Amino acid sequence: MHRPLQRLLLGVWILSLSACGFALRGGDVISSQFSSIQLISQQPNSEFSRLLRRSLDVSDVAVELVESIEPVASQALLSIGDERVVSRPVTVNPRARAAQYEMRLSVEIALGRGDQILIEPETLFVERTYFEDIENISGNREEVEIIAAEMRRELVNQLMRRLQAAGG
């Protein structure tokens, strides 16, 4: 008797999730409007550029790295500026040393096709705060690297959602 009730509740829960439009992130593919993209990156060998190319490949978008603007009327041109990381102290400890930092990762993007501008030049950014342990300097460096890697992935996801919105 207990088992059928669980199945019924599970079924109702699944139906309510599908009815509200819930979908897992990352499963959607960029619109077929972008079968290929020319990519101009200020830092083509950076971790951000590598993650972006991988995300575009997973979305079945052919990526052509170009060094100068070569507009092709039928092909989208995605321009990526320098990745900027800014870190600033937010709080201080009783010893007058920074205890908490705010890190901001930003990148400027623009998207066009021929003479048409699909995404005006804009800055995408991600912010995080973290605590610094003055007793564990090497652990702090590792934590900052992990946080920066997570922020890059989130920034790439933000850019992919922006491309999806521009293409749809």
C-alpha atoms as a PDB file:
ATOM      1  CA  MET A   1       0.000   0.000   0.000  1.00  0.00           C
ATOM      2  CA  HIS A   2       2.892   2.323   0.773  1.00  0.00           C
ATOM      3  CA  ARG A   3       4.611   1.705  -2.614  1.00  0.00           C
ATOM      4  CA  PRO A   4       1.708   2.847  -4.863  1.00  0.00           C
ATOM      5  CA  LEU A   5       1.414   6.072  -2.872  1.00  0.00           C
ATOM      6  CA  GLN A   6       5.128   6.810  -3.443  1.00  0.00           C
ATOM      7  CA  ARG A   7       4.770   6.193  -7.169  1.00  0.00           C
ATOM      8  CA  LEU A   8       1.728   8.441  -7.347  1.00  0.00           C
ATOM      9  CA  LEU A   9       3.544  11.267  -5.527  1.00  0.00           C
ATOM     10  CA  LEU A  10       6.596  10.842  -7.760  1.00  0.00           C
ATOM     11  CA  GLY A  11       4.389  10.997 -10.859  1.00  0.00           C
ATOM     12  CA  VAL A  12       2.642  14.151  -9.642  1.00  0.00           C
ATOM     13  CA  TRP A  13       6.005  15.745  -8.832  1.00  0.00           C
ATOM     14  CA  ILE A  14       7.427  14.929 -12.298  1.00  0.00           C
ATOM     15  CA  LEU A  15       4.310  16.252 -14.045  1.00  0.00           C
ATOM     16  CA  SER A  16       4.388  19.475 -12.045  1.00  0.00           C
ATOM     17  CA  LEU A  17       8.066  20.014 -12.891  1.00  0.00           C
ATOM     18  CA  SER A  18       7.481  19.482 -16.600  1.00  0.00           C
ATOM     19  CA  ALA A  19       4.384  21.700 -16.529  1.00  0.00           C
ATOM     20  CA  CYS A  20       6.316  24.662 -15.081  1.00  0.00           C
ATOM     21  CA  GLY A  21       8.947  24.506 -17.846  1.00  0.00           C
ATOM     22  CA  PHE A  22      11.812  23.159 -15.732  1.00  0.00           C
ATOM     23  CA  ALA A  23      14.774  21.902 -17.748  1.00  0.00           C
ATOM     24  CA  LEU A  24      18.329  21.038 -16.797  1.00  0.00           C
ATOM     25  CA  ARG A  25      20.933  23.599 -17.811  1.00  0.00           C
ATOM     26  CA  GLY A  26      23.513  22.738 -20.416  1.00  0.00           C
ATOM     27  CA  GLY A  27      21.313  20.387 -22.367  1.00  0.00           C
ATOM     28  CA  ASP A  28      20.090  22.962 -24.824  1.00  0.00           C
ATOM     29  CA  VAL A  29      21.847  23.554 -28.095  1.00  0.00           C
ATOM     30  CA  ILE A  30      22.453  26.961 -29.615  1.00  0.00           C
ATOM     31  CA  SER A  31      19.976  27.819 -32.317  1.00  0.00           C
ATOM     32  CA  SER A  32      20.631  26.467 -35.790  1.00  0.00           C
ATOM     33  CA  GLN A  33      20.991  30.123 -36.793  1.00  0.00           C
ATOM     34  CA  PHE A  34      24.626  29.705 -35.631  1.00  0.00           C
ATOM     35  CA  SER A  35      25.903  26.692 -37.526  1.00  0.00           C
ATOM     36  CA  SER A  36      29.319  28.337 -37.499  1.00  0.00           C
ATOM     37  CA  ILE A  37      30.908  31.274 -35.708  1.00  0.00           C
ATOM     38  CA  GLN A  38      34.058  33.233 -36.426  1.00  0.00           C
ATOM     39  CA  LEU A  39      35.777  33.888 -33.110  1.00  0.00           C
ATOM     40  CA  ILE A  40      38.101  36.818 -32.492  1.00  0.00           C
ATOM     41  CA  SER A  41      39.680  36.627 -29.055  1.00  0.00           C
ATOM     42  CA  GLN A  42      42.167  39.022 -27.495  1.00  0.00           C
ATOM     43  CA  GLN A  43      43.553  36.044 -25.544  1.00  0.00           C
ATOM     44  CA  PRO A  44      43.061  33.029 -27.850  1.00  0.00           C
ATOM     45  CA  ASN A  45      45.135  30.687 -25.666  1.00  0.00           C
ATOM     46  CA  SER A  46      43.482  31.589 -22.359  1.00  0.00           C
ATOM     47  CA  GLU A  47      41.507  29.138 -20.246  1.00  0.00           C
ATOM     48  CA  PHE A  48      38.329  31.145 -20.911  1.00  0.00           C
ATOM     49  CA  SER A  49      38.789  30.881 -24.710  1.00  0.00           C
ATOM     50  CA  ARG A  50      39.468  27.153 -24.446  1.00  0.00           C
ATOM     51  CA  LEU A  51      36.307  26.602 -22.349  1.00  0.00           C
ATOM     52  CA  LEU A  52      34.257  28.700 -24.788  1.00  0.00           C
ATOM     53  CA  ARG A  53      35.484  26.747 -27.830  1.00  0.00           C
ATOM     54  CA  ARG A  54      34.680  23.470 -26.051  1.00  0.00           C
ATOM     55  CA  SER A  55      31.152  24.667 -25.189  1.00  0.00           C
ATOM     56  CA  LEU A  56      30.559  25.772 -28.774  1.00  0.00           C
ATOM     57  CA  ASP A  57      31.844  22.394 -30.054  1.00  0.00           C
ATOM     58  CA  VAL A  58      29.461  20.551 -27.715  1.00  0.00           C
ATOM     59  CA  SER A  59      26.627  22.689 -29.120  1.00  0.00           C
ATOM     60  CA  ASP A  60      27.520  21.573 -32.671  1.00  0.00           C
ATOM     61  CA  VAL A  61      28.677  25.048 -33.680  1.00  0.00           C
ATOM     62  CA  ALA A  62      31.713  25.119 -35.952  1.00  0.00           C
ATOM     63  CA  VAL A  63      34.256  27.584 -34.594  1.00  0.00           C
ATOM     64  CA  GLU A  64      36.771  29.329 -36.828  1.00  0.00           C
ATOM     65  CA  LEU A  65      39.473  31.284 -34.994  1.00  0.00           C
ATOM     66  CA  VAL A  66      40.361  34.441 -36.901  1.00  0.00           C
ATOM     67  CA  GLU A  67      42.974  37.069 -36.102  1.00  0.00           C
ATOM     68  CA  SER A  68      41.332  39.994 -37.874  1.00  0.00           C
ATOM     69  CA  ILE A  69      37.781  40.891 -38.756  1.00  0.00           C
ATOM     70  CA  GLU A  70      36.805  39.106 -41.944  1.00  0.00           C
ATOM     71  CA  PRO A  71      33.046  39.607 -42.064  1.00  0.00           C
ATOM     72  CA  VAL A  72      31.159  36.984 -44.005  1.00  0.00           C
ATOM     73  CA  ALA A  73      27.505  37.907 -44.504  1.00  0.00           C
ATOM     74  CA  SER A  74      26.202  34.458 -43.572  1.00  0.00           C
ATOM     75  CA  GLN A  75      28.574  33.803 -40.677  1.00  0.00           C
ATOM     76  CA  ALA A  76      28.356  35.225 -37.157  1.00  0.00           C
ATOM     77  CA  LEU A  77      31.410  37.039 -35.785  1.00  0.00           C
ATOM     78  CA  LEU A  78      31.909  36.789 -32.004  1.00  0.00           C
ATOM     79  CA  SER A  79      34.420  39.207 -30.528  1.00  0.00           C
ATOM     80  CA  ILE A  80      35.842  38.448 -27.076  1.00  0.00           C
ATOM     81  CA  GLY A  81      37.914  41.059 -25.221  1.00  0.00           C
ATOM     82  CA  ASP A  82      40.566  40.543 -22.578  1.00  0.00           C
ATOM     83  CA  GLU A  83      39.616  38.571 -19.494  1.00  0.00           C
ATOM     84  CA  ARG A  84      39.950  40.899 -16.516  1.00  0.00           C
ATOM     85  CA  VAL A  85      40.288  39.763 -12.911  1.00  0.00           C
ATOM     86  CA  VAL A  86      39.963  42.356 -10.166  1.00  0.00           C
ATOM     87  CA  SER A  87      40.360  41.469  -6.513  1.00  0.00           C
ATOM     88  CA  ARG A  88      39.718  43.875  -3.675  1.00  0.00           C
ATOM     89  CA  PRO A  89      39.536  43.552   0.115  1.00  0.00           C
ATOM     90  CA  VAL A  90      36.043  43.703   1.577  1.00  0.00           C
ATOM     91  CA  THR A  91      36.684  43.252   5.313  1.00  0.00           C
ATOM     92  CA  VAL A  92      39.723  43.453   7.556  1.00  0.00           C
ATOM     93  CA  ASN A  93      40.657  41.404  10.604  1.00  0.00           C
ATOM     94  CA  PRO A  94      41.736  42.776  14.022  1.00  0.00           C
ATOM     95  CA  ARG A  95      45.369  42.813  12.816  1.00  0.00           C
ATOM     96  CA  ALA A  96      44.383  45.295  10.073  1.00  0.00           C
ATOM     97  CA  ARG A  97      44.913  42.696   7.325  1.00  0.00           C
ATOM     98  CA  ALA A  98      42.362  41.801   4.680  1.00  0.00           C
ATOM     99  CA  ALA A  99      40.162  38.939   5.857  1.00  0.00           C
ATOM    100  CA  GLN A 100      37.672  38.753   3.032  1.00  0.00           C
ATOM    101  CA  TYR A 101      38.148  39.536  -0.647  1.00  0.00           C
ATOM    102  CA  GLU A 102      35.801  40.117  -3.539  1.00  0.00           C
ATOM    103  CA  MET A 103      36.955  38.818  -6.912  1.00  0.00           C
ATOM    104  CA  ARG A 104      35.356  39.994 -10.158  1.00  0.00           C
ATOM    105  CA  LEU A 105      35.992  38.289 -13.493  1.00  0.00           C
ATOM    106  CA  SER A 106      34.768  40.137 -16.576  1.00  0.00           C
ATOM    107  CA  VAL A 107      35.020  39.949 -20.341  1.00  0.00           C
ATOM    108  CA  GLU A 108      33.664  42.209 -23.074  1.00  0.00           C
ATOM    109  CA  ILE A 109      31.733  40.578 -25.913  1.00  0.00           C
ATOM    110  CA  ALA A 110      30.025  41.583 -29.144  1.00  0.00           C
ATOM    111  CA  LEU A 111      28.269  39.537 -31.821  1.00  0.00           C
ATOM    112  CA  GLY A 112      27.444  40.501 -35.372  1.00  0.00           C
ATOM    113  CA  ARG A 113      26.596  39.022 -38.747  1.00  0.00           C
ATOM    114  CA  GLY A 114      27.601  41.075 -41.761  1.00  0.00           C
ATOM    115  CA  ASP A 115      26.312  44.597 -41.071  1.00  0.00           C
ATOM    116  CA  GLN A 116      23.772  43.377 -38.520  1.00  0.00           C
ATOM    117  CA  ILE A 117      24.638  43.686 -34.797  1.00  0.00           C
ATOM    118  CA  LEU A 118      23.127  40.790 -32.841  1.00  0.00           C
ATOM    119  CA  ILE A 119      24.682  41.624 -29.455  1.00  0.00           C
ATOM    120  CA  GLU A 120      25.846  45.174 -28.781  1.00  0.00           C
ATOM    121  CA  PRO A 121      29.262  45.385 -27.101  1.00  0.00           C
ATOM    122  CA  GLU A 122      28.665  44.564 -23.451  1.00  0.00           C
ATOM    123  CA  THR A 123      30.588  43.354 -20.431  1.00  0.00           C
ATOM    124  CA  LEU A 124      29.699  40.044 -18.831  1.00  0.00           C
ATOM    125  CA  PHE A 125      30.924  39.524 -15.286  1.00  0.00           C
ATOM    126  CA  VAL A 126      30.863  37.159 -12.320  1.00  0.00           C
ATOM    127  CA  GLU A 127      31.649  38.101  -8.723  1.00  0.00           C
ATOM    128  CA  ARG A 128      32.628  35.959  -5.735  1.00  0.00           C
ATOM    129  CA  THR A 129      33.760  36.660  -2.198  1.00  0.00           C
ATOM    130  CA  TYR A 130      36.149  34.455  -0.280  1.00  0.00           C
ATOM    131  CA  PHE A 131      37.933  34.453   3.076  1.00  0.00           C
ATOM    132  CA  GLU A 132      41.695  34.494   3.381  1.00  0.00           C
ATOM    133  CA  ASP A 133      43.268  32.383   6.096  1.00  0.00           C
ATOM    134  CA  ILE A 134      46.541  34.066   7.109  1.00  0.00           C
ATOM    135  CA  GLU A 135      47.727  30.766   8.600  1.00  0.00           C
ATOM    136  CA  ASN A 136      47.441  28.865   5.290  1.00  0.00           C
ATOM    137  CA  ILE A 137      48.925  30.915   2.433  1.00  0.00           C
ATOM    138  CA  SER A 138      49.391  27.986   0.017  1.00  0.00           C
ATOM    139  CA  GLY A 139      45.813  26.822   0.637  1.00  0.00           C
ATOM    140  CA  ASN A 140      44.573  30.338  -0.125  1.00  0.00           C
ATOM    141  CA  ARG A 141      46.314  30.307  -3.519  1.00  0.00           C
ATOM    142  CA  GLU A 142      44.729  26.961  -4.389  1.00  0.00           C
ATOM    143  CA  GLU A 143      41.314  28.234  -3.297  1.00  0.00           C
ATOM    144  CA  VAL A 144      41.684  31.357  -5.458  1.00  0.00           C
ATOM    145  CA  GLU A 145      42.610  29.197  -8.474  1.00  0.00           C
ATOM    146  CA  ILE A 146      39.590  26.936  -7.897  1.00  0.00           C
ATOM    147  CA  ILE A 147      37.272  29.937  -7.517  1.00  0.00           C
ATOM    148  CA  ALA A 148      38.684  31.550 -10.695  1.00  0.00           C
ATOM    149  CA  ALA A 149      38.147  28.289 -12.651  1.00  0.00           C
ATOM    150  CA  GLU A 150      34.530  28.089 -11.431  1.00  0.00           C
ATOM    151  CA  MET A 151      34.004  31.729 -12.359  1.00  0.00           C
ATOM    152  CA  ARG A 152      35.348  31.119 -15.881  1.00  0.00           C
ATOM    153  CA  ARG A 153      32.931  28.208 -16.350  1.00  0.00           C
ATOM    154  CA  GLU A 154      30.054  30.345 -15.109  1.00  0.00           C
ATOM    155  CA  LEU A 155      31.084  33.188 -17.438  1.00  0.00           C
ATOM    156  CA  VAL A 156      31.178  30.792 -20.409  1.00  0.00           C
ATOM    157  CA  ASN A 157      27.698  29.513 -19.455  1.00  0.00           C
ATOM    158  CA  GLN A 158      26.484  33.115 -19.243  1.00  0.00           C
ATOM    159  CA  LEU A 159      27.908  33.792 -22.721  1.00  0.00           C
ATOM    160  CA  MET A 160      26.326  30.628 -24.135  1.00  0.00           C
ATOM    161  CA  ARG A 161      22.912  31.688 -22.749  1.00  0.00           C
ATOM    162  CA  ARG A 162      23.459  35.126 -24.289  1.00  0.00           C
ATOM    163  CA  LEU A 163      24.217  33.533 -27.669  1.00  0.00           C
ATOM    164  CA  GLN A 164      21.108  31.357 -27.336  1.00  0.00           C
ATOM    165  CA  ALA A 165      18.989  34.430 -26.675  1.00  0.00           C
ATOM    166  CA  ALA A 166      20.505  36.300 -29.649  1.00  0.00           C
ATOM    167  CA  GLY A 167      19.938  33.349 -31.974  1.00  0.00           C
ATOM    168  CA  GLY A 168      16.409  32.578 -30.937  1.00  0.00           C
END
